[in-house]
Amino acid sequence: MGRKDMEQWIQEESQHLRDRVQTFKAEPFDPSFLLSLSMCNVICCLVFGQRFKYEDEKFLSLLQILKNTLRFDSTPWGQMYNVFPRIVEHLPGSHNTAFCRD
């Protein structure tokens, strides 16, 4: 994978983003979610070798897991878990659900 591949992925994703923005037909909207999807799609292209549609359930689920993990890491429990993982996992609290699988 070279620089050319990355440039092509970024250009392709920017085209998908532009197409999605045009669907709003000059109505006001919050672009932050679309920009997040676009940026994550570029990263997925680099890591997984494929892009996901913005409506793809797997993609949205992956983003939700990432969001929850980052949110947990910024809490005091998350910081304690990073320093003392073996101790914190034995303590009661809502932090125990952070890494459980549904």
N, C-alpha and C. Protein backbone atom coordinates (compact mmCIF):
# COMPACT_ATOMS: atom_id res chain seq x y z
N MET A 1 0.86 -1.17 0.00
CA MET A 1 0.00 0.00 0.00
C MET A 1 0.90 1.23 0.00
N GLY A 2 0.72 2.06 -0.97
CA GLY A 2 1.55 3.25 -1.07
C GLY A 2 0.75 4.52 -0.91
N ARG A 3 1.44 5.60 -1.13
CA ARG A 3 0.82 6.91 -0.99
C ARG A 3 -0.32 7.08 -1.99
N LYS A 4 -0.14 6.52 -3.18
CA LYS A 4 -1.16 6.64 -4.22
C LYS A 4 -2.48 6.01 -3.76
N ASP A 5 -2.40 4.84 -3.14
CA ASP A 5 -3.62 4.19 -2.64
C ASP A 5 -4.33 5.05 -1.61
N MET A 6 -3.57 5.61 -0.68
CA MET A 6 -4.19 6.45 0.35
C MET A 6 -4.85 7.66 -0.27
N GLU A 7 -4.18 8.28 -1.23
CA GLU A 7 -4.77 9.45 -1.89
C GLU A 7 -6.07 9.07 -2.59
N GLN A 8 -6.08 7.93 -3.24
CA GLN A 8 -7.29 7.49 -3.93
C GLN A 8 -8.43 7.24 -2.95
N TRP A 9 -8.12 6.62 -1.81
CA TRP A 9 -9.16 6.37 -0.81
C TRP A 9 -9.73 7.68 -0.27
N ILE A 10 -8.84 8.62 -0.01
CA ILE A 10 -9.29 9.91 0.52
C ILE A 10 -10.14 10.64 -0.51
N GLN A 11 -9.71 10.61 -1.76
CA GLN A 11 -10.49 11.26 -2.82
C GLN A 11 -11.84 10.59 -3.01
N GLU A 12 -11.85 9.27 -2.96
CA GLU A 12 -13.11 8.54 -3.09
C GLU A 12 -14.06 8.87 -1.94
N GLU A 13 -13.51 8.91 -0.74
CA GLU A 13 -14.35 9.21 0.42
C GLU A 13 -14.85 10.65 0.38
N SER A 14 -14.02 11.57 -0.08
CA SER A 14 -14.47 12.96 -0.18
C SER A 14 -15.61 13.09 -1.20
N GLN A 15 -15.58 12.27 -2.24
CA GLN A 15 -16.67 12.27 -3.22
C GLN A 15 -17.97 11.75 -2.57
N HIS A 16 -17.86 10.68 -1.78
CA HIS A 16 -19.05 10.17 -1.07
C HIS A 16 -19.59 11.20 -0.09
N LEU A 17 -18.69 11.89 0.59
CA LEU A 17 -19.10 12.93 1.54
C LEU A 17 -19.80 14.07 0.80
N ARG A 18 -19.23 14.49 -0.31
CA ARG A 18 -19.84 15.56 -1.10
C ARG A 18 -21.23 15.16 -1.59
N ASP A 19 -21.36 13.92 -2.05
CA ASP A 19 -22.67 13.44 -2.51
C ASP A 19 -23.69 13.46 -1.37
N ARG A 20 -23.26 13.07 -0.19
CA ARG A 20 -24.17 13.04 0.96
C ARG A 20 -24.56 14.46 1.38
N VAL A 21 -23.61 15.37 1.35
CA VAL A 21 -23.91 16.76 1.72
C VAL A 21 -24.91 17.36 0.74
N GLN A 22 -24.80 17.02 -0.53
CA GLN A 22 -25.71 17.56 -1.53
C GLN A 22 -27.15 17.10 -1.33
N THR A 23 -27.34 16.00 -0.62
CA THR A 23 -28.71 15.53 -0.38
C THR A 23 -29.48 16.45 0.57
N PHE A 24 -28.77 17.31 1.29
CA PHE A 24 -29.44 18.23 2.21
C PHE A 24 -30.01 19.45 1.50
N LYS A 25 -29.67 19.65 0.23
CA LYS A 25 -30.25 20.68 -0.64
C LYS A 25 -30.28 22.06 0.02
N ALA A 26 -29.15 22.51 0.48
CA ALA A 26 -28.97 23.86 1.04
C ALA A 26 -29.72 24.08 2.35
N GLU A 27 -30.24 23.02 2.95
CA GLU A 27 -30.86 23.15 4.27
C GLU A 27 -29.75 23.08 5.33
N PRO A 28 -29.92 23.78 6.43
CA PRO A 28 -28.89 23.71 7.48
C PRO A 28 -28.85 22.32 8.12
N PHE A 29 -27.65 21.86 8.44
CA PHE A 29 -27.47 20.57 9.11
C PHE A 29 -26.15 20.60 9.85
N ASP A 30 -26.01 19.68 10.79
CA ASP A 30 -24.78 19.56 11.57
C ASP A 30 -23.84 18.60 10.84
N PRO A 31 -22.72 19.08 10.31
CA PRO A 31 -21.84 18.21 9.53
C PRO A 31 -20.92 17.34 10.37
N SER A 32 -20.92 17.50 11.69
CA SER A 32 -19.94 16.79 12.52
C SER A 32 -20.09 15.27 12.41
N PHE A 33 -21.31 14.76 12.38
CA PHE A 33 -21.50 13.31 12.28
C PHE A 33 -21.02 12.79 10.93
N LEU A 34 -21.37 13.50 9.85
CA LEU A 34 -20.91 13.09 8.52
C LEU A 34 -19.39 13.14 8.41
N LEU A 35 -18.78 14.17 8.98
CA LEU A 35 -17.32 14.27 8.94
C LEU A 35 -16.68 13.13 9.74
N SER A 36 -17.30 12.77 10.85
CA SER A 36 -16.80 11.63 11.64
C SER A 36 -16.90 10.34 10.84
N LEU A 37 -18.03 10.13 10.18
CA LEU A 37 -18.19 8.94 9.35
C LEU A 37 -17.15 8.89 8.24
N SER A 38 -16.94 10.03 7.62
CA SER A 38 -15.99 10.10 6.52
C SER A 38 -14.57 9.81 6.99
N MET A 39 -14.18 10.44 8.09
CA MET A 39 -12.84 10.23 8.63
C MET A 39 -12.65 8.77 9.05
N CYS A 40 -13.64 8.21 9.71
CA CYS A 40 -13.55 6.81 10.13
C CYS A 40 -13.51 5.87 8.93
N ASN A 41 -14.18 6.23 7.87
CA ASN A 41 -14.15 5.41 6.67
C ASN A 41 -12.77 5.40 6.03
N VAL A 42 -12.08 6.53 6.05
CA VAL A 42 -10.71 6.57 5.52
C VAL A 42 -9.82 5.66 6.36
N ILE A 43 -9.98 5.72 7.67
CA ILE A 43 -9.19 4.85 8.56
C ILE A 43 -9.53 3.39 8.31
N CYS A 44 -10.81 3.08 8.13
CA CYS A 44 -11.21 1.69 7.83
C CYS A 44 -10.60 1.21 6.51
N CYS A 45 -10.52 2.10 5.54
CA CYS A 45 -9.88 1.73 4.27
C CYS A 45 -8.42 1.36 4.50
N LEU A 46 -7.75 2.11 5.35
CA LEU A 46 -6.34 1.83 5.64
C LEU A 46 -6.18 0.54 6.44
N VAL A 47 -7.05 0.32 7.41
CA VAL A 47 -6.92 -0.83 8.30
C VAL A 47 -7.51 -2.09 7.70
N PHE A 48 -8.74 -2.00 7.18
CA PHE A 48 -9.45 -3.18 6.69
C PHE A 48 -9.39 -3.36 5.18
N GLY A 49 -8.98 -2.32 4.46
CA GLY A 49 -8.90 -2.41 3.01
C GLY A 49 -10.23 -2.24 2.31
N GLN A 50 -11.24 -1.73 2.99
CA GLN A 50 -12.54 -1.49 2.38
C GLN A 50 -13.22 -0.32 3.06
N ARG A 51 -14.14 0.31 2.35
CA ARG A 51 -14.93 1.37 2.95
C ARG A 51 -16.32 0.82 3.24
N PHE A 52 -17.01 1.46 4.15
CA PHE A 52 -18.36 1.06 4.51
C PHE A 52 -19.34 2.13 4.05
N LYS A 53 -20.55 1.72 3.73
CA LYS A 53 -21.60 2.70 3.47
C LYS A 53 -21.94 3.37 4.79
N TYR A 54 -22.39 4.61 4.70
CA TYR A 54 -22.71 5.35 5.92
C TYR A 54 -23.86 4.73 6.70
N GLU A 55 -24.69 3.94 6.06
CA GLU A 55 -25.83 3.30 6.73
C GLU A 55 -25.52 1.89 7.21
N ASP A 56 -24.33 1.38 6.93
CA ASP A 56 -23.97 0.00 7.26
C ASP A 56 -24.04 -0.22 8.78
N GLU A 57 -24.80 -1.23 9.18
CA GLU A 57 -24.99 -1.51 10.61
C GLU A 57 -23.68 -1.88 11.30
N LYS A 58 -22.83 -2.66 10.63
CA LYS A 58 -21.54 -3.03 11.23
C LYS A 58 -20.69 -1.79 11.47
N PHE A 59 -20.66 -0.90 10.50
CA PHE A 59 -19.88 0.32 10.59
C PHE A 59 -20.38 1.20 11.73
N LEU A 60 -21.69 1.40 11.79
CA LEU A 60 -22.27 2.22 12.86
C LEU A 60 -22.06 1.58 14.23
N SER A 61 -22.12 0.25 14.29
CA SER A 61 -21.87 -0.45 15.54
C SER A 61 -20.42 -0.29 15.98
N LEU A 62 -19.50 -0.39 15.03
CA LEU A 62 -18.08 -0.19 15.31
C LEU A 62 -17.83 1.21 15.84
N LEU A 63 -18.46 2.19 15.24
CA LEU A 63 -18.30 3.57 15.70
C LEU A 63 -18.88 3.77 17.09
N GLN A 64 -20.01 3.12 17.38
CA GLN A 64 -20.62 3.23 18.71
C GLN A 64 -19.72 2.61 19.77
N ILE A 65 -19.12 1.46 19.46
CA ILE A 65 -18.19 0.82 20.39
C ILE A 65 -16.99 1.72 20.64
N LEU A 66 -16.46 2.29 19.58
CA LEU A 66 -15.32 3.19 19.71
C LEU A 66 -15.68 4.41 20.55
N LYS A 67 -16.85 4.97 20.32
CA LYS A 67 -17.31 6.13 21.08
C LYS A 67 -17.44 5.80 22.56
N ASN A 68 -18.05 4.65 22.87
CA ASN A 68 -18.21 4.24 24.27
C ASN A 68 -16.88 3.98 24.94
N THR A 69 -15.95 3.37 24.22
CA THR A 69 -14.63 3.09 24.78
C THR A 69 -13.89 4.38 25.08
N LEU A 70 -13.92 5.32 24.15
CA LEU A 70 -13.24 6.60 24.38
C LEU A 70 -13.90 7.37 25.51
N ARG A 71 -15.22 7.29 25.60
CA ARG A 71 -15.92 7.97 26.69
C ARG A 71 -15.53 7.34 28.03
N PHE A 72 -15.44 6.00 28.07
CA PHE A 72 -15.06 5.31 29.30
C PHE A 72 -13.63 5.67 29.71
N ASP A 73 -12.73 5.73 28.74
CA ASP A 73 -11.33 6.04 29.05
C ASP A 73 -11.15 7.41 29.67
N SER A 74 -12.07 8.33 29.42
CA SER A 74 -11.94 9.67 29.95
C SER A 74 -12.55 9.82 31.35
N THR A 75 -13.18 8.76 31.86
CA THR A 75 -13.76 8.82 33.20
C THR A 75 -12.72 8.43 34.25
N PRO A 76 -12.96 8.77 35.51
CA PRO A 76 -12.03 8.34 36.56
C PRO A 76 -11.89 6.81 36.62
N TRP A 77 -13.01 6.08 36.43
CA TRP A 77 -12.93 4.61 36.43
C TRP A 77 -12.05 4.12 35.28
N GLY A 78 -12.17 4.74 34.13
CA GLY A 78 -11.36 4.35 32.98
C GLY A 78 -9.88 4.59 33.22
N GLN A 79 -9.57 5.70 33.85
CA GLN A 79 -8.17 5.99 34.15
C GLN A 79 -7.64 5.04 35.21
N MET A 80 -8.46 4.72 36.20
CA MET A 80 -8.05 3.73 37.21
C MET A 80 -7.84 2.37 36.56
N TYR A 81 -8.73 2.01 35.63
CA TYR A 81 -8.62 0.72 34.94
C TYR A 81 -7.32 0.64 34.15
N ASN A 82 -6.92 1.75 33.53
CA ASN A 82 -5.67 1.75 32.77
C ASN A 82 -4.45 1.56 33.65
N VAL A 83 -4.52 2.05 34.88
CA VAL A 83 -3.38 1.93 35.80
C VAL A 83 -3.42 0.62 36.57
N PHE A 84 -4.59 0.25 37.08
CA PHE A 84 -4.73 -0.95 37.91
C PHE A 84 -5.81 -1.88 37.37
N PRO A 85 -5.64 -2.48 36.22
CA PRO A 85 -6.73 -3.27 35.62
C PRO A 85 -7.15 -4.47 36.45
N ARG A 86 -6.22 -5.16 37.07
CA ARG A 86 -6.57 -6.36 37.84
C ARG A 86 -7.31 -6.04 39.13
N ILE A 87 -7.07 -4.88 39.68
CA ILE A 87 -7.76 -4.49 40.91
C ILE A 87 -9.15 -3.96 40.60
N VAL A 88 -9.25 -3.09 39.61
CA VAL A 88 -10.52 -2.44 39.29
C VAL A 88 -11.57 -3.44 38.81
N GLU A 89 -11.16 -4.49 38.12
CA GLU A 89 -12.16 -5.44 37.62
C GLU A 89 -12.87 -6.19 38.74
N HIS A 90 -12.31 -6.18 39.96
CA HIS A 90 -12.95 -6.85 41.10
C HIS A 90 -13.82 -5.91 41.92
N LEU A 91 -13.78 -4.62 41.63
CA LEU A 91 -14.58 -3.65 42.37
C LEU A 91 -15.97 -3.53 41.74
N PRO A 92 -17.01 -3.34 42.57
CA PRO A 92 -18.36 -3.18 42.01
C PRO A 92 -18.53 -1.80 41.38
N GLY A 93 -19.40 -1.74 40.40
CA GLY A 93 -19.69 -0.45 39.78
C GLY A 93 -20.07 -0.60 38.32
N SER A 94 -20.49 0.52 37.75
CA SER A 94 -20.93 0.50 36.35
C SER A 94 -19.78 0.30 35.37
N HIS A 95 -18.55 0.46 35.83
CA HIS A 95 -17.40 0.27 34.95
C HIS A 95 -17.28 -1.18 34.48
N ASN A 96 -17.92 -2.11 35.19
CA ASN A 96 -17.84 -3.52 34.80
C ASN A 96 -18.56 -3.81 33.49
N THR A 97 -19.47 -2.95 33.09
CA THR A 97 -20.18 -3.17 31.82
C THR A 97 -19.46 -2.58 30.62
N ALA A 98 -18.37 -1.86 30.84
CA ALA A 98 -17.69 -1.18 29.74
C ALA A 98 -17.13 -2.14 28.71
N PHE A 99 -16.63 -3.28 29.16
CA PHE A 99 -15.99 -4.21 28.23
C PHE A 99 -16.75 -5.52 28.07
N CYS A 100 -17.96 -5.60 28.60
CA CYS A 100 -18.73 -6.83 28.43
C CYS A 100 -19.32 -6.87 27.03
N ARG A 101 -19.53 -8.07 26.53
CA ARG A 101 -20.11 -8.24 25.19
C ARG A 101 -21.58 -8.58 25.34
N ASP A 102 -22.38 -7.90 24.55
CA ASP A 102 -23.83 -8.16 24.58
C ASP A 102 -24.18 -9.33 23.71
